[in-house]
């Protein structure tokens, strides 16, 4: 991977972290700013963001199900 490509990836990841941070902060202003950042993302970066959100959603489901199994194994 060349240096230019690495820097582009690093900037894209920085933007994704900023979007998550703004959304976690809550509030309408953060949401609007996150939307602006999303609009500025490349197609590839938007795809990465969507994939990260889906993976996070699946991970959260897995954790919740595991906790339920540990607390009440007879119910699952």
N, C-alpha and C. Protein backbone atom coordinates (compact mmCIF):
# COMPACT_ATOMS: atom_id res chain seq x y z
N UNK A 1 0.86 -1.18 0.00
CA UNK A 1 0.00 0.00 0.00
C UNK A 1 0.89 1.24 0.00
N UNK A 2 0.60 2.19 -0.85
CA UNK A 2 1.45 3.37 -0.89
C UNK A 2 1.04 4.38 0.19
N UNK A 3 1.89 5.34 0.41
CA UNK A 3 1.69 6.31 1.48
C UNK A 3 0.42 7.13 1.28
N UNK A 4 0.14 7.51 0.05
CA UNK A 4 -1.06 8.32 -0.23
C UNK A 4 -2.32 7.54 0.16
N UNK A 5 -2.36 6.28 -0.19
CA UNK A 5 -3.51 5.42 0.12
C UNK A 5 -3.68 5.25 1.62
N UNK A 6 -2.56 5.10 2.32
CA UNK A 6 -2.60 4.95 3.78
C UNK A 6 -3.15 6.22 4.43
N UNK A 7 -2.70 7.38 3.95
CA UNK A 7 -3.19 8.64 4.49
C UNK A 7 -4.69 8.84 4.22
N UNK A 8 -5.13 8.44 3.03
CA UNK A 8 -6.57 8.53 2.72
C UNK A 8 -7.39 7.65 3.65
N UNK A 9 -6.91 6.44 3.89
CA UNK A 9 -7.61 5.53 4.80
C UNK A 9 -7.64 6.10 6.21
N UNK A 10 -6.51 6.67 6.65
CA UNK A 10 -6.45 7.24 8.00
C UNK A 10 -7.43 8.40 8.14
N UNK A 11 -7.53 9.25 7.12
CA UNK A 11 -8.50 10.36 7.16
C UNK A 11 -9.93 9.83 7.19
N UNK A 12 -10.20 8.81 6.40
CA UNK A 12 -11.54 8.23 6.37
C UNK A 12 -11.90 7.65 7.74
N UNK A 13 -10.96 6.94 8.36
CA UNK A 13 -11.22 6.38 9.69
C UNK A 13 -11.42 7.47 10.72
N UNK A 14 -10.67 8.55 10.60
CA UNK A 14 -10.83 9.68 11.50
C UNK A 14 -12.23 10.28 11.36
N UNK A 15 -12.72 10.36 10.12
CA UNK A 15 -14.08 10.87 9.91
C UNK A 15 -15.11 9.94 10.52
N UNK A 16 -14.91 8.63 10.39
CA UNK A 16 -15.85 7.67 10.96
C UNK A 16 -15.90 7.79 12.48
N UNK A 17 -14.75 7.95 13.09
CA UNK A 17 -14.69 8.13 14.54
C UNK A 17 -15.42 9.41 14.94
N UNK A 18 -15.23 10.47 14.17
CA UNK A 18 -15.92 11.74 14.44
C UNK A 18 -17.43 11.57 14.35
N UNK A 19 -17.89 10.82 13.37
CA UNK A 19 -19.33 10.59 13.21
C UNK A 19 -19.88 9.84 14.41
N UNK A 20 -19.19 8.77 14.82
CA UNK A 20 -19.63 8.02 16.00
C UNK A 20 -19.65 8.90 17.24
N UNK A 21 -18.62 9.71 17.41
CA UNK A 21 -18.52 10.58 18.57
C UNK A 21 -19.66 11.58 18.60
N UNK A 22 -19.96 12.17 17.47
CA UNK A 22 -21.06 13.14 17.40
C UNK A 22 -22.40 12.48 17.72
N UNK A 23 -22.60 11.27 17.21
CA UNK A 23 -23.86 10.57 17.45
C UNK A 23 -23.99 10.16 18.92
N UNK A 24 -22.88 9.75 19.52
CA UNK A 24 -22.92 9.35 20.93
C UNK A 24 -23.16 10.54 21.83
N UNK A 25 -22.69 11.71 21.40
CA UNK A 25 -22.89 12.92 22.20
C UNK A 25 -24.34 13.33 22.28
N UNK A 26 -25.14 12.86 21.36
CA UNK A 26 -26.56 13.17 21.35
C UNK A 26 -26.84 14.60 20.93
N UNK A 27 -28.09 14.91 20.88
CA UNK A 27 -28.51 16.26 20.53
C UNK A 27 -28.65 16.46 19.03
N UNK A 28 -29.46 17.42 18.70
CA UNK A 28 -29.75 17.71 17.30
C UNK A 28 -28.52 18.29 16.58
N UNK A 29 -27.77 19.14 17.25
CA UNK A 29 -26.60 19.75 16.62
C UNK A 29 -25.57 18.68 16.23
N UNK A 30 -25.33 17.72 17.10
CA UNK A 30 -24.40 16.64 16.80
C UNK A 30 -24.88 15.78 15.65
N UNK A 31 -26.18 15.53 15.63
CA UNK A 31 -26.77 14.74 14.55
C UNK A 31 -26.61 15.44 13.21
N UNK A 32 -26.85 16.73 13.19
CA UNK A 32 -26.72 17.50 11.94
C UNK A 32 -25.27 17.54 11.47
N UNK A 33 -24.36 17.71 12.41
CA UNK A 33 -22.94 17.74 12.04
C UNK A 33 -22.48 16.37 11.53
N UNK A 34 -22.97 15.31 12.16
CA UNK A 34 -22.64 13.95 11.69
C UNK A 34 -23.18 13.74 10.28
N UNK A 35 -24.38 14.23 10.01
CA UNK A 35 -24.97 14.10 8.67
C UNK A 35 -24.11 14.83 7.64
N UNK A 36 -23.59 15.98 8.00
CA UNK A 36 -22.71 16.72 7.08
C UNK A 36 -21.44 15.93 6.79
N UNK A 37 -20.88 15.33 7.81
CA UNK A 37 -19.67 14.52 7.61
C UNK A 37 -19.97 13.32 6.71
N UNK A 38 -21.13 12.70 6.90
CA UNK A 38 -21.51 11.56 6.07
C UNK A 38 -21.65 11.98 4.62
N UNK A 39 -22.22 13.14 4.38
CA UNK A 39 -22.37 13.64 3.01
C UNK A 39 -21.02 13.83 2.32
N UNK A 40 -20.00 14.14 3.10
CA UNK A 40 -18.67 14.38 2.54
C UNK A 40 -17.87 13.10 2.30
N UNK A 41 -18.36 11.97 2.82
CA UNK A 41 -17.64 10.70 2.68
C UNK A 41 -17.70 10.20 1.24
N UNK A 42 -16.65 9.50 0.87
CA UNK A 42 -16.64 8.83 -0.44
C UNK A 42 -17.58 7.63 -0.39
N UNK A 43 -17.85 7.07 -1.53
CA UNK A 43 -18.71 5.89 -1.61
C UNK A 43 -18.12 4.74 -0.79
N UNK A 44 -16.81 4.57 -0.90
CA UNK A 44 -16.15 3.49 -0.16
C UNK A 44 -16.24 3.73 1.35
N UNK A 45 -16.04 4.96 1.77
CA UNK A 45 -16.11 5.28 3.21
C UNK A 45 -17.54 5.09 3.74
N UNK A 46 -18.53 5.44 2.95
CA UNK A 46 -19.93 5.22 3.36
C UNK A 46 -20.21 3.72 3.51
N UNK A 47 -19.66 2.95 2.59
CA UNK A 47 -19.83 1.49 2.66
C UNK A 47 -19.16 0.95 3.93
N UNK A 48 -17.96 1.47 4.24
CA UNK A 48 -17.26 1.05 5.46
C UNK A 48 -18.06 1.43 6.71
N UNK A 49 -18.66 2.62 6.70
CA UNK A 49 -19.47 3.06 7.83
C UNK A 49 -20.68 2.14 8.02
N UNK A 50 -21.36 1.84 6.94
CA UNK A 50 -22.52 0.95 7.02
C UNK A 50 -22.11 -0.43 7.53
N UNK A 51 -20.99 -0.96 7.04
CA UNK A 51 -20.51 -2.27 7.49
C UNK A 51 -20.16 -2.24 8.98
N UNK A 52 -19.51 -1.17 9.42
CA UNK A 52 -19.15 -1.06 10.83
C UNK A 52 -20.40 -1.01 11.70
N UNK A 53 -21.41 -0.29 11.26
CA UNK A 53 -22.66 -0.21 12.03
C UNK A 53 -23.34 -1.57 12.10
N UNK A 54 -23.34 -2.30 10.98
CA UNK A 54 -23.96 -3.62 10.98
C UNK A 54 -23.20 -4.59 11.88
N UNK A 55 -21.88 -4.54 11.83
CA UNK A 55 -21.08 -5.41 12.69
C UNK A 55 -21.30 -5.07 14.16
N UNK A 56 -21.41 -3.79 14.47
CA UNK A 56 -21.66 -3.36 15.85
C UNK A 56 -23.03 -3.85 16.32
N UNK A 57 -24.02 -3.75 15.45
CA UNK A 57 -25.36 -4.22 15.77
C UNK A 57 -25.35 -5.72 16.04
N UNK A 58 -24.66 -6.49 15.19
CA UNK A 58 -24.59 -7.94 15.39
C UNK A 58 -23.84 -8.29 16.67
N UNK A 59 -22.77 -7.57 16.94
CA UNK A 59 -22.01 -7.81 18.16
C UNK A 59 -22.86 -7.54 19.39
N UNK A 60 -23.60 -6.46 19.37
CA UNK A 60 -24.48 -6.13 20.49
C UNK A 60 -25.52 -7.23 20.71
N UNK A 61 -26.12 -7.71 19.62
CA UNK A 61 -27.07 -8.82 19.73
C UNK A 61 -26.42 -10.06 20.32
N UNK A 62 -25.21 -10.39 19.86
CA UNK A 62 -24.50 -11.56 20.37
C UNK A 62 -24.22 -11.44 21.86
N UNK A 63 -23.81 -10.26 22.30
CA UNK A 63 -23.51 -10.04 23.71
C UNK A 63 -24.78 -10.18 24.55
N UNK A 64 -25.88 -9.60 24.10
CA UNK A 64 -27.14 -9.67 24.83
C UNK A 64 -27.62 -11.12 24.93
N UNK A 65 -27.55 -11.85 23.82
CA UNK A 65 -27.97 -13.25 23.85
C UNK A 65 -27.09 -14.08 24.78
N UNK A 66 -25.80 -13.85 24.76
CA UNK A 66 -24.90 -14.58 25.65
C UNK A 66 -25.22 -14.28 27.11
N UNK A 67 -25.49 -13.02 27.42
CA UNK A 67 -25.85 -12.67 28.80
C UNK A 67 -27.15 -13.34 29.21
N UNK A 68 -28.11 -13.42 28.30
CA UNK A 68 -29.37 -14.08 28.61
C UNK A 68 -29.14 -15.57 28.86
N UNK A 69 -28.28 -16.19 28.06
CA UNK A 69 -27.97 -17.61 28.26
C UNK A 69 -27.32 -17.85 29.62
N UNK A 70 -26.46 -16.93 30.02
CA UNK A 70 -25.76 -17.10 31.30
C UNK A 70 -26.73 -16.90 32.47
N UNK A 71 -27.67 -15.98 32.36
CA UNK A 71 -28.60 -15.71 33.46
C UNK A 71 -29.72 -16.75 33.52
N UNK A 72 -30.25 -17.11 32.37
CA UNK A 72 -31.42 -18.00 32.33
C UNK A 72 -31.27 -19.02 31.20
N UNK A 73 -30.39 -19.98 31.37
CA UNK A 73 -30.14 -20.96 30.29
C UNK A 73 -31.38 -21.80 29.96
N UNK A 74 -32.28 -21.98 30.88
CA UNK A 74 -33.48 -22.78 30.64
C UNK A 74 -34.48 -22.08 29.73
N UNK A 75 -34.36 -20.77 29.54
CA UNK A 75 -35.30 -20.03 28.70
C UNK A 75 -34.91 -20.03 27.23
N UNK A 76 -33.64 -20.33 26.93
CA UNK A 76 -33.19 -20.30 25.53
C UNK A 76 -32.96 -21.67 25.01
